N, C-alpha and C. Protein backbone atom coordinates (compact mmCIF):
# COMPACT_ATOMS: atom_id res chain seq x y z
N MET A 1 16.20 -24.28 -41.41
CA MET A 1 16.61 -23.23 -40.49
C MET A 1 18.11 -23.00 -40.71
N PRO A 2 18.52 -21.76 -40.87
CA PRO A 2 19.95 -21.48 -41.06
C PRO A 2 20.72 -21.89 -39.81
N SER A 3 21.95 -22.35 -40.04
CA SER A 3 22.75 -22.87 -38.93
C SER A 3 23.12 -21.79 -37.91
N GLY A 4 23.21 -20.54 -38.31
CA GLY A 4 23.59 -19.47 -37.39
C GLY A 4 22.48 -19.05 -36.45
N SER A 5 21.21 -19.32 -36.79
CA SER A 5 20.10 -18.86 -35.95
C SER A 5 19.81 -19.79 -34.79
N LEU A 6 20.19 -21.05 -34.88
CA LEU A 6 19.93 -21.99 -33.79
C LEU A 6 20.68 -21.61 -32.51
N PRO A 7 21.97 -21.31 -32.58
CA PRO A 7 22.65 -20.92 -31.34
C PRO A 7 22.06 -19.65 -30.71
N VAL A 8 21.65 -18.67 -31.50
CA VAL A 8 21.07 -17.44 -30.97
C VAL A 8 19.76 -17.77 -30.26
N PHE A 9 18.95 -18.63 -30.88
CA PHE A 9 17.68 -19.04 -30.29
C PHE A 9 17.92 -19.74 -28.95
N ILE A 10 18.90 -20.63 -28.91
CA ILE A 10 19.21 -21.35 -27.68
C ILE A 10 19.72 -20.40 -26.61
N VAL A 11 20.56 -19.45 -26.98
CA VAL A 11 21.08 -18.47 -26.02
C VAL A 11 19.93 -17.64 -25.43
N ILE A 12 18.98 -17.25 -26.26
CA ILE A 12 17.84 -16.46 -25.77
C ILE A 12 17.01 -17.28 -24.80
N ILE A 13 16.74 -18.54 -25.13
CA ILE A 13 15.96 -19.42 -24.25
C ILE A 13 16.68 -19.61 -22.92
N ILE A 14 17.98 -19.87 -22.97
CA ILE A 14 18.76 -20.06 -21.74
C ILE A 14 18.76 -18.79 -20.91
N ALA A 15 18.91 -17.63 -21.55
CA ALA A 15 18.92 -16.35 -20.83
C ALA A 15 17.58 -16.11 -20.14
N LEU A 16 16.47 -16.38 -20.83
CA LEU A 16 15.16 -16.22 -20.21
C LEU A 16 14.98 -17.17 -19.03
N PHE A 17 15.46 -18.39 -19.19
CA PHE A 17 15.37 -19.39 -18.13
C PHE A 17 16.17 -18.95 -16.90
N VAL A 18 17.38 -18.47 -17.12
CA VAL A 18 18.23 -18.02 -16.02
C VAL A 18 17.60 -16.82 -15.32
N ILE A 19 17.08 -15.88 -16.07
CA ILE A 19 16.44 -14.70 -15.47
C ILE A 19 15.23 -15.12 -14.65
N ALA A 20 14.44 -16.05 -15.17
CA ALA A 20 13.26 -16.52 -14.43
C ALA A 20 13.67 -17.20 -13.13
N ILE A 21 14.72 -18.00 -13.17
CA ILE A 21 15.20 -18.66 -11.95
C ILE A 21 15.72 -17.63 -10.97
N MET A 22 16.47 -16.65 -11.44
CA MET A 22 17.03 -15.63 -10.55
C MET A 22 15.93 -14.82 -9.89
N THR A 23 14.88 -14.49 -10.62
CA THR A 23 13.80 -13.73 -10.00
C THR A 23 13.01 -14.57 -9.02
N SER A 24 13.02 -15.90 -9.21
CA SER A 24 12.30 -16.78 -8.29
C SER A 24 13.05 -16.98 -6.99
N ILE A 25 14.39 -16.97 -7.03
CA ILE A 25 15.15 -17.26 -5.81
C ILE A 25 15.75 -16.02 -5.16
N ALA A 26 15.58 -14.86 -5.77
CA ALA A 26 16.17 -13.64 -5.21
C ALA A 26 15.51 -13.29 -3.88
N GLY A 27 16.32 -13.08 -2.86
CA GLY A 27 15.81 -12.65 -1.56
C GLY A 27 15.11 -13.76 -0.81
N ALA A 28 14.67 -13.44 0.39
CA ALA A 28 13.96 -14.41 1.22
C ALA A 28 12.53 -14.56 0.72
N ASP A 29 11.97 -15.71 0.97
CA ASP A 29 10.60 -15.97 0.56
C ASP A 29 9.66 -15.07 1.37
N PRO A 30 8.85 -14.24 0.69
CA PRO A 30 7.97 -13.33 1.42
C PRO A 30 6.98 -14.09 2.30
N LYS A 31 6.60 -15.29 1.92
CA LYS A 31 5.64 -16.05 2.72
C LYS A 31 6.24 -16.40 4.08
N GLU A 32 7.52 -16.74 4.10
CA GLU A 32 8.18 -17.06 5.36
C GLU A 32 8.20 -15.85 6.29
N ARG A 33 8.48 -14.65 5.76
CA ARG A 33 8.51 -13.45 6.58
C ARG A 33 7.11 -13.09 7.05
N ALA A 34 6.14 -13.28 6.18
CA ALA A 34 4.81 -12.76 6.43
C ALA A 34 3.98 -13.59 7.39
N GLN A 35 4.25 -14.87 7.50
CA GLN A 35 3.38 -15.73 8.27
C GLN A 35 3.22 -15.27 9.72
N SER A 36 4.25 -14.73 10.32
CA SER A 36 4.14 -14.36 11.73
C SER A 36 3.86 -12.88 11.95
N ASP A 37 4.18 -12.02 11.00
CA ASP A 37 4.12 -10.59 11.26
C ASP A 37 3.06 -9.82 10.46
N ALA A 38 2.86 -10.16 9.22
CA ALA A 38 1.94 -9.39 8.38
C ALA A 38 0.49 -9.65 8.81
N VAL A 39 -0.35 -8.63 8.60
CA VAL A 39 -1.77 -8.77 8.89
C VAL A 39 -2.40 -9.72 7.88
N TYR A 40 -2.03 -9.56 6.60
CA TYR A 40 -2.51 -10.42 5.52
C TYR A 40 -1.36 -10.77 4.59
N TYR A 41 -1.43 -11.96 4.03
CA TYR A 41 -0.49 -12.38 2.99
C TYR A 41 -1.31 -13.06 1.89
N LEU A 42 -1.01 -12.73 0.66
CA LEU A 42 -1.71 -13.32 -0.47
C LEU A 42 -0.72 -13.59 -1.59
N LYS A 43 -0.72 -14.77 -2.11
CA LYS A 43 0.11 -15.09 -3.27
C LYS A 43 -0.78 -15.04 -4.50
N GLY A 44 -0.62 -13.99 -5.28
CA GLY A 44 -1.43 -13.81 -6.47
C GLY A 44 -0.78 -14.42 -7.69
N VAL A 45 -1.39 -14.19 -8.84
CA VAL A 45 -0.89 -14.73 -10.11
C VAL A 45 0.42 -14.07 -10.50
N ASN A 46 0.50 -12.76 -10.34
CA ASN A 46 1.69 -12.03 -10.79
C ASN A 46 2.55 -11.50 -9.65
N GLY A 47 2.40 -12.06 -8.46
CA GLY A 47 3.24 -11.65 -7.34
C GLY A 47 2.52 -11.84 -6.02
N GLY A 48 3.25 -11.54 -4.96
CA GLY A 48 2.69 -11.68 -3.62
C GLY A 48 2.34 -10.33 -3.03
N LEU A 49 1.41 -10.36 -2.09
CA LEU A 49 0.96 -9.15 -1.43
C LEU A 49 1.04 -9.37 0.07
N GLU A 50 1.76 -8.49 0.75
CA GLU A 50 1.82 -8.50 2.21
C GLU A 50 1.20 -7.20 2.70
N VAL A 51 0.26 -7.30 3.60
CA VAL A 51 -0.38 -6.11 4.17
C VAL A 51 0.01 -6.03 5.63
N TRP A 52 0.66 -4.94 6.00
CA TRP A 52 1.07 -4.66 7.37
C TRP A 52 0.24 -3.49 7.86
N GLU A 53 0.32 -3.17 9.14
CA GLU A 53 -0.44 -2.03 9.67
C GLU A 53 0.00 -0.72 9.04
N ASP A 54 1.30 -0.60 8.76
CA ASP A 54 1.83 0.68 8.28
C ASP A 54 2.29 0.68 6.83
N ARG A 55 2.21 -0.47 6.15
CA ARG A 55 2.70 -0.52 4.77
C ARG A 55 2.11 -1.71 4.02
N ILE A 56 2.26 -1.64 2.71
CA ILE A 56 1.87 -2.73 1.82
C ILE A 56 3.11 -3.10 1.03
N LEU A 57 3.41 -4.38 0.95
CA LEU A 57 4.53 -4.87 0.15
C LEU A 57 3.99 -5.68 -1.01
N ILE A 58 4.47 -5.35 -2.20
CA ILE A 58 4.12 -6.13 -3.38
C ILE A 58 5.42 -6.74 -3.89
N GLY A 59 5.47 -8.06 -3.90
CA GLY A 59 6.67 -8.77 -4.34
C GLY A 59 6.44 -9.45 -5.67
N ARG A 60 7.36 -9.27 -6.56
CA ARG A 60 7.27 -9.90 -7.88
C ARG A 60 8.23 -11.07 -7.92
N ARG A 61 7.67 -12.27 -7.93
CA ARG A 61 8.48 -13.47 -7.96
C ARG A 61 7.88 -14.45 -8.97
N GLY A 62 8.71 -15.25 -9.56
CA GLY A 62 8.23 -16.29 -10.45
C GLY A 62 8.19 -15.85 -11.91
N PHE A 63 7.88 -16.80 -12.75
CA PHE A 63 7.94 -16.58 -14.19
C PHE A 63 6.86 -15.62 -14.68
N ARG A 64 5.62 -15.77 -14.19
CA ARG A 64 4.54 -14.87 -14.63
C ARG A 64 4.82 -13.42 -14.22
N ALA A 65 5.35 -13.26 -13.02
CA ALA A 65 5.70 -11.91 -12.57
C ALA A 65 6.81 -11.34 -13.44
N PHE A 66 7.76 -12.19 -13.83
CA PHE A 66 8.83 -11.73 -14.71
C PHE A 66 8.28 -11.29 -16.05
N LEU A 67 7.30 -12.03 -16.59
CA LEU A 67 6.73 -11.68 -17.89
C LEU A 67 6.01 -10.34 -17.86
N THR A 68 5.33 -10.03 -16.76
CA THR A 68 4.57 -8.77 -16.70
C THR A 68 5.32 -7.60 -16.09
N HIS A 69 6.32 -7.89 -15.24
CA HIS A 69 7.00 -6.80 -14.52
C HIS A 69 8.52 -6.86 -14.58
N GLY A 70 9.08 -7.83 -15.26
CA GLY A 70 10.53 -7.94 -15.32
C GLY A 70 11.10 -8.30 -13.96
N CYS A 71 12.25 -7.76 -13.64
CA CYS A 71 12.92 -8.03 -12.36
C CYS A 71 12.57 -6.96 -11.34
N ALA A 72 11.30 -6.75 -11.09
CA ALA A 72 10.86 -5.64 -10.25
C ALA A 72 11.19 -5.81 -8.78
N GLY A 73 11.23 -7.02 -8.25
CA GLY A 73 11.53 -7.23 -6.84
C GLY A 73 10.39 -6.78 -5.95
N MET A 74 10.72 -6.28 -4.76
CA MET A 74 9.71 -5.86 -3.78
C MET A 74 9.44 -4.36 -3.90
N LYS A 75 8.18 -4.00 -3.71
CA LYS A 75 7.80 -2.59 -3.69
C LYS A 75 7.07 -2.33 -2.38
N THR A 76 7.47 -1.28 -1.68
CA THR A 76 6.83 -0.90 -0.43
C THR A 76 5.98 0.34 -0.66
N ILE A 77 4.74 0.27 -0.23
CA ILE A 77 3.84 1.42 -0.29
C ILE A 77 3.45 1.76 1.15
N PRO A 78 3.86 2.92 1.65
CA PRO A 78 3.43 3.30 3.01
C PRO A 78 1.91 3.41 3.05
N MET A 79 1.31 2.91 4.11
CA MET A 79 -0.16 2.93 4.22
C MET A 79 -0.69 4.36 4.14
N ALA A 80 0.08 5.33 4.66
CA ALA A 80 -0.36 6.73 4.62
C ALA A 80 -0.39 7.28 3.20
N ALA A 81 0.32 6.64 2.27
CA ALA A 81 0.35 7.11 0.88
C ALA A 81 -0.78 6.54 0.05
N VAL A 82 -1.49 5.55 0.56
CA VAL A 82 -2.57 4.92 -0.20
C VAL A 82 -3.77 5.85 -0.24
N GLN A 83 -4.17 6.25 -1.43
CA GLN A 83 -5.30 7.15 -1.61
C GLN A 83 -6.57 6.41 -1.99
N SER A 84 -6.41 5.24 -2.60
CA SER A 84 -7.58 4.47 -3.00
C SER A 84 -7.19 3.01 -3.12
N VAL A 85 -8.19 2.16 -3.03
CA VAL A 85 -7.99 0.73 -3.26
C VAL A 85 -9.17 0.25 -4.09
N GLN A 86 -8.86 -0.51 -5.11
CA GLN A 86 -9.90 -1.05 -5.98
C GLN A 86 -9.79 -2.57 -5.96
N PHE A 87 -10.93 -3.23 -5.84
CA PHE A 87 -10.95 -4.69 -5.81
C PHE A 87 -11.97 -5.18 -6.82
N ARG A 88 -11.54 -6.13 -7.62
CA ARG A 88 -12.45 -6.79 -8.55
C ARG A 88 -12.33 -8.28 -8.31
N PRO A 89 -13.42 -8.93 -7.86
CA PRO A 89 -13.35 -10.36 -7.62
C PRO A 89 -13.17 -11.14 -8.92
N GLY A 90 -12.48 -12.26 -8.82
CA GLY A 90 -12.32 -13.12 -9.98
C GLY A 90 -13.59 -13.89 -10.26
N GLY A 91 -13.73 -14.28 -11.48
CA GLY A 91 -14.90 -15.07 -11.88
C GLY A 91 -14.47 -16.36 -12.54
N ALA A 92 -15.40 -16.99 -13.24
CA ALA A 92 -15.11 -18.25 -13.90
C ALA A 92 -14.17 -18.07 -15.09
N LEU A 93 -14.26 -16.92 -15.77
CA LEU A 93 -13.44 -16.70 -16.96
C LEU A 93 -12.24 -15.79 -16.74
N LEU A 94 -12.39 -14.80 -15.86
CA LEU A 94 -11.31 -13.83 -15.65
C LEU A 94 -10.83 -13.85 -14.21
N ASN A 95 -9.55 -13.60 -14.03
CA ASN A 95 -9.00 -13.40 -12.70
C ASN A 95 -9.45 -12.05 -12.17
N GLY A 96 -9.39 -11.87 -10.88
CA GLY A 96 -9.68 -10.59 -10.27
C GLY A 96 -8.39 -9.85 -9.98
N PHE A 97 -8.51 -8.71 -9.31
CA PHE A 97 -7.30 -7.96 -8.94
C PHE A 97 -7.59 -7.05 -7.77
N ILE A 98 -6.53 -6.65 -7.10
CA ILE A 98 -6.58 -5.61 -6.09
C ILE A 98 -5.53 -4.58 -6.50
N GLN A 99 -5.94 -3.31 -6.54
CA GLN A 99 -5.08 -2.25 -7.08
C GLN A 99 -5.09 -1.08 -6.10
N PHE A 100 -3.91 -0.49 -5.92
CA PHE A 100 -3.76 0.61 -4.98
C PHE A 100 -3.42 1.90 -5.72
N GLY A 101 -4.15 2.97 -5.41
CA GLY A 101 -3.83 4.29 -5.92
C GLY A 101 -3.00 5.01 -4.88
N VAL A 102 -1.89 5.60 -5.29
CA VAL A 102 -0.99 6.26 -4.35
C VAL A 102 -0.77 7.72 -4.75
N LEU A 103 -0.31 8.50 -3.79
CA LEU A 103 0.00 9.90 -4.06
C LEU A 103 0.99 10.00 -5.21
N GLY A 104 0.68 10.79 -6.20
CA GLY A 104 1.59 10.99 -7.33
C GLY A 104 1.61 9.85 -8.32
N GLY A 105 0.85 8.80 -8.09
CA GLY A 105 0.85 7.65 -9.00
C GLY A 105 -0.31 7.72 -9.97
N ARG A 106 -0.19 6.94 -11.02
CA ARG A 106 -1.28 6.86 -12.01
C ARG A 106 -1.56 5.38 -12.27
N GLU A 107 -2.60 4.88 -11.60
CA GLU A 107 -2.92 3.49 -11.83
C GLU A 107 -3.55 3.33 -13.21
N ARG A 108 -3.35 2.17 -13.77
CA ARG A 108 -3.86 1.91 -15.12
C ARG A 108 -5.35 1.63 -15.05
N GLN A 109 -6.07 2.16 -16.00
CA GLN A 109 -7.50 1.96 -16.11
C GLN A 109 -7.75 0.86 -17.13
N GLY A 110 -8.82 0.13 -17.00
CA GLY A 110 -9.16 -0.85 -18.03
C GLY A 110 -9.34 -2.26 -17.52
N GLY A 111 -9.50 -2.45 -16.22
CA GLY A 111 -9.80 -3.76 -15.71
C GLY A 111 -8.59 -4.65 -15.51
N VAL A 112 -8.87 -5.96 -15.50
CA VAL A 112 -7.85 -6.93 -15.13
C VAL A 112 -6.69 -6.97 -16.13
N LEU A 113 -6.95 -6.72 -17.40
CA LEU A 113 -5.86 -6.76 -18.38
C LEU A 113 -4.86 -5.63 -18.15
N SER A 114 -5.35 -4.46 -17.82
CA SER A 114 -4.45 -3.34 -17.51
C SER A 114 -3.80 -3.53 -16.15
N ALA A 115 -4.54 -4.08 -15.21
CA ALA A 115 -4.00 -4.29 -13.86
C ALA A 115 -2.85 -5.29 -13.87
N ALA A 116 -2.84 -6.18 -14.86
CA ALA A 116 -1.78 -7.19 -14.92
C ALA A 116 -0.40 -6.56 -15.03
N THR A 117 -0.30 -5.41 -15.65
CA THR A 117 1.00 -4.76 -15.82
C THR A 117 1.17 -3.53 -14.92
N ASP A 118 0.18 -3.21 -14.11
CA ASP A 118 0.27 -2.07 -13.21
C ASP A 118 1.14 -2.44 -12.01
N GLU A 119 2.09 -1.59 -11.66
CA GLU A 119 3.03 -1.91 -10.58
C GLU A 119 2.39 -1.95 -9.21
N ASN A 120 1.20 -1.35 -9.06
CA ASN A 120 0.52 -1.30 -7.77
C ASN A 120 -0.67 -2.26 -7.71
N SER A 121 -0.65 -3.31 -8.53
CA SER A 121 -1.74 -4.27 -8.58
C SER A 121 -1.23 -5.69 -8.42
N VAL A 122 -2.08 -6.51 -7.86
CA VAL A 122 -1.81 -7.94 -7.77
C VAL A 122 -3.03 -8.66 -8.34
N ILE A 123 -2.79 -9.58 -9.25
CA ILE A 123 -3.86 -10.35 -9.88
C ILE A 123 -4.22 -11.53 -8.98
N LEU A 124 -5.54 -11.71 -8.75
CA LEU A 124 -6.04 -12.75 -7.86
C LEU A 124 -6.72 -13.85 -8.68
N ARG A 125 -6.58 -15.06 -8.22
CA ARG A 125 -7.31 -16.18 -8.81
C ARG A 125 -8.76 -16.13 -8.34
N GLY A 126 -9.63 -16.82 -9.04
CA GLY A 126 -11.05 -16.83 -8.67
C GLY A 126 -11.31 -17.31 -7.27
N GLY A 127 -10.52 -18.25 -6.77
CA GLY A 127 -10.71 -18.78 -5.43
C GLY A 127 -10.20 -17.88 -4.32
N GLN A 128 -9.63 -16.73 -4.67
CA GLN A 128 -9.08 -15.82 -3.66
C GLN A 128 -10.00 -14.63 -3.38
N THR A 129 -11.26 -14.75 -3.76
CA THR A 129 -12.20 -13.64 -3.60
C THR A 129 -12.40 -13.28 -2.13
N ALA A 130 -12.56 -14.28 -1.26
CA ALA A 130 -12.83 -13.99 0.16
C ALA A 130 -11.67 -13.23 0.80
N ILE A 131 -10.44 -13.71 0.60
CA ILE A 131 -9.28 -13.01 1.19
C ILE A 131 -9.09 -11.65 0.53
N GLY A 132 -9.42 -11.55 -0.75
CA GLY A 132 -9.34 -10.25 -1.44
C GLY A 132 -10.28 -9.23 -0.82
N TRP A 133 -11.52 -9.66 -0.51
CA TRP A 133 -12.47 -8.76 0.14
C TRP A 133 -11.98 -8.35 1.52
N GLU A 134 -11.42 -9.31 2.27
CA GLU A 134 -10.90 -8.99 3.61
C GLU A 134 -9.80 -7.95 3.53
N ILE A 135 -8.88 -8.12 2.59
CA ILE A 135 -7.78 -7.16 2.42
C ILE A 135 -8.33 -5.80 2.02
N TYR A 136 -9.26 -5.79 1.08
CA TYR A 136 -9.88 -4.54 0.63
C TYR A 136 -10.52 -3.80 1.81
N GLU A 137 -11.32 -4.51 2.60
CA GLU A 137 -12.00 -3.88 3.73
C GLU A 137 -11.01 -3.41 4.80
N TYR A 138 -9.97 -4.18 5.03
CA TYR A 138 -8.96 -3.78 6.01
C TYR A 138 -8.26 -2.49 5.57
N ILE A 139 -7.88 -2.41 4.31
CA ILE A 139 -7.17 -1.22 3.82
C ILE A 139 -8.10 -0.01 3.81
N GLU A 140 -9.37 -0.20 3.44
CA GLU A 140 -10.34 0.90 3.51
C GLU A 140 -10.45 1.42 4.95
N ALA A 141 -10.53 0.51 5.91
CA ALA A 141 -10.63 0.91 7.32
C ALA A 141 -9.37 1.63 7.77
N ARG A 142 -8.19 1.16 7.36
CA ARG A 142 -6.93 1.82 7.73
C ARG A 142 -6.87 3.22 7.11
N MET A 143 -7.33 3.35 5.87
CA MET A 143 -7.34 4.67 5.23
C MET A 143 -8.22 5.64 6.02
N LEU A 144 -9.39 5.18 6.48
CA LEU A 144 -10.28 6.04 7.28
C LEU A 144 -9.65 6.39 8.62
N GLU A 145 -8.98 5.42 9.26
CA GLU A 145 -8.30 5.69 10.53
C GLU A 145 -7.22 6.75 10.36
N LEU A 146 -6.40 6.59 9.32
CA LEU A 146 -5.32 7.55 9.09
C LEU A 146 -5.86 8.93 8.75
N ALA A 147 -6.96 8.98 8.00
CA ALA A 147 -7.57 10.28 7.68
C ALA A 147 -8.11 10.94 8.94
N ALA A 148 -8.71 10.15 9.84
CA ALA A 148 -9.22 10.71 11.09
C ALA A 148 -8.08 11.23 11.97
N GLN A 149 -6.96 10.50 11.98
CA GLN A 149 -5.81 10.97 12.75
C GLN A 149 -5.27 12.28 12.20
N LYS A 150 -5.22 12.41 10.88
CA LYS A 150 -4.75 13.65 10.27
C LYS A 150 -5.68 14.80 10.60
N THR A 151 -7.00 14.53 10.54
CA THR A 151 -7.98 15.57 10.85
C THR A 151 -7.87 16.01 12.30
N ALA A 152 -7.71 15.04 13.20
CA ALA A 152 -7.60 15.37 14.62
C ALA A 152 -6.36 16.22 14.90
N SER A 153 -5.24 15.87 14.27
CA SER A 153 -4.03 16.65 14.50
C SER A 153 -4.13 18.02 13.85
N ALA A 154 -4.86 18.13 12.75
CA ALA A 154 -5.02 19.43 12.10
C ALA A 154 -5.94 20.35 12.90
N GLN A 155 -6.84 19.76 13.69
CA GLN A 155 -7.78 20.56 14.47
C GLN A 155 -7.18 21.09 15.77
N ARG A 156 -6.01 20.62 16.15
CA ARG A 156 -5.38 21.12 17.36
C ARG A 156 -5.03 22.59 17.17
N LEU A 157 -5.31 23.35 18.19
CA LEU A 157 -5.04 24.79 18.14
C LEU A 157 -3.60 25.07 18.57
N SER A 158 -3.05 26.10 17.99
CA SER A 158 -1.72 26.54 18.42
C SER A 158 -1.85 27.20 19.79
N PRO A 159 -0.75 27.32 20.53
CA PRO A 159 -0.82 27.99 21.84
C PRO A 159 -1.37 29.42 21.74
N ALA A 160 -1.03 30.12 20.67
CA ALA A 160 -1.53 31.49 20.52
C ALA A 160 -3.05 31.50 20.33
N GLU A 161 -3.56 30.53 19.54
CA GLU A 161 -5.01 30.45 19.33
C GLU A 161 -5.74 30.08 20.62
N GLU A 162 -5.15 29.14 21.37
CA GLU A 162 -5.77 28.76 22.65
C GLU A 162 -5.76 29.93 23.62
N LEU A 163 -4.67 30.70 23.62
CA LEU A 163 -4.57 31.85 24.49
C LEU A 163 -5.65 32.89 24.15
N GLN A 164 -5.91 33.07 22.85
CA GLN A 164 -6.97 33.98 22.41
C GLN A 164 -8.34 33.51 22.92
N ARG A 165 -8.57 32.18 22.86
CA ARG A 165 -9.84 31.65 23.35
C ARG A 165 -10.00 31.89 24.85
N TYR A 166 -8.91 31.66 25.61
CA TYR A 166 -8.99 31.89 27.05
C TYR A 166 -9.14 33.37 27.38
N LYS A 167 -8.53 34.24 26.58
CA LYS A 167 -8.67 35.70 26.78
C LYS A 167 -10.13 36.12 26.56
N ALA A 168 -10.76 35.53 25.55
CA ALA A 168 -12.17 35.83 25.30
C ALA A 168 -13.04 35.37 26.47
N LEU A 169 -12.71 34.21 27.05
CA LEU A 169 -13.43 33.73 28.23
C LEU A 169 -13.21 34.64 29.43
N LEU A 170 -11.97 35.15 29.56
CA LEU A 170 -11.68 36.10 30.63
C LEU A 170 -12.49 37.37 30.45
N ASP A 171 -12.50 37.89 29.22
CA ASP A 171 -13.25 39.11 28.93
C ASP A 171 -14.75 38.95 29.16
N ASP A 172 -15.26 37.72 28.91
CA ASP A 172 -16.69 37.46 29.12
C ASP A 172 -17.02 37.18 30.58
N GLY A 173 -15.98 37.07 31.41
CA GLY A 173 -16.21 36.81 32.82
C GLY A 173 -16.33 35.33 33.17
N ALA A 174 -16.08 34.45 32.23
CA ALA A 174 -16.18 33.01 32.48
C ALA A 174 -14.95 32.49 33.21
N LEU A 175 -13.83 33.23 33.13
CA LEU A 175 -12.60 32.86 33.83
C LEU A 175 -12.18 34.02 34.71
N THR A 176 -11.54 33.69 35.82
CA THR A 176 -10.96 34.73 36.66
C THR A 176 -9.57 35.05 36.12
N GLN A 177 -9.00 36.16 36.57
CA GLN A 177 -7.66 36.55 36.14
C GLN A 177 -6.63 35.49 36.55
N ALA A 178 -6.80 34.91 37.72
CA ALA A 178 -5.87 33.89 38.22
C ALA A 178 -5.93 32.62 37.33
N GLU A 179 -7.15 32.24 36.95
CA GLU A 179 -7.30 31.06 36.07
C GLU A 179 -6.67 31.33 34.70
N PHE A 180 -6.90 32.54 34.19
CA PHE A 180 -6.32 32.90 32.89
C PHE A 180 -4.79 32.90 32.96
N ASP A 181 -4.24 33.49 34.03
CA ASP A 181 -2.77 33.53 34.18
C ASP A 181 -2.18 32.12 34.29
N ALA A 182 -2.88 31.23 35.00
CA ALA A 182 -2.40 29.85 35.14
C ALA A 182 -2.39 29.15 33.76
N LYS A 183 -3.46 29.34 33.01
CA LYS A 183 -3.52 28.74 31.68
C LYS A 183 -2.45 29.33 30.76
N LYS A 184 -2.23 30.61 30.87
CA LYS A 184 -1.23 31.30 30.06
C LYS A 184 0.16 30.71 30.34
N ARG A 185 0.48 30.55 31.62
CA ARG A 185 1.79 29.96 32.00
C ARG A 185 1.90 28.53 31.46
N GLN A 186 0.82 27.76 31.55
CA GLN A 186 0.83 26.38 31.06
C GLN A 186 1.06 26.34 29.55
N LEU A 187 0.36 27.19 28.81
CA LEU A 187 0.48 27.19 27.34
C LEU A 187 1.83 27.68 26.87
N LEU A 188 2.38 28.63 27.58
CA LEU A 188 3.67 29.20 27.17
C LEU A 188 4.85 28.44 27.78
N GLY A 189 4.55 27.44 28.62
CA GLY A 189 5.61 26.63 29.20
C GLY A 189 6.44 27.37 30.23
N LEU A 190 5.83 28.29 30.93
CA LEU A 190 6.55 29.06 31.96
C LEU A 190 6.41 28.44 33.32
């Protein structure tokens, strides 16, 4: 081995070691924050997952996370931005994963190997299947709740539309003029 290549090799190894340590100790431990407040916490192969009522946090910590995502740190996904969730349970040979599709995002296709480098995925060990299913079902339920809330707010009529409905009831004789006038004042804030 040439004498000049040994120091370069050592510098590269030391640099990788320092980066791995820095990514492991950067910020507070997500597990400490999550134990009392998050709905779910999961420490996966390539990072941690915290599920809150209104958001999902994906934290990249440790050497494996550094290898697949570099110094990515924490990523917050608002629950309202989640469009899909995909879960694949781990087996005897392959790890599983949980992956989130978000507005404007493009999740990687191709199973666990592609999910390993996807920024919106966390790789699960085979023994984490039960908690993975719980998280999947919780997020699916939250997505349905948020969609129902959006639909309900979209179905609300404007004051002008409500006034038209009451006018039609007045014209049909279902309301008296006094009832219509009272509703009109209420809708117009008079």
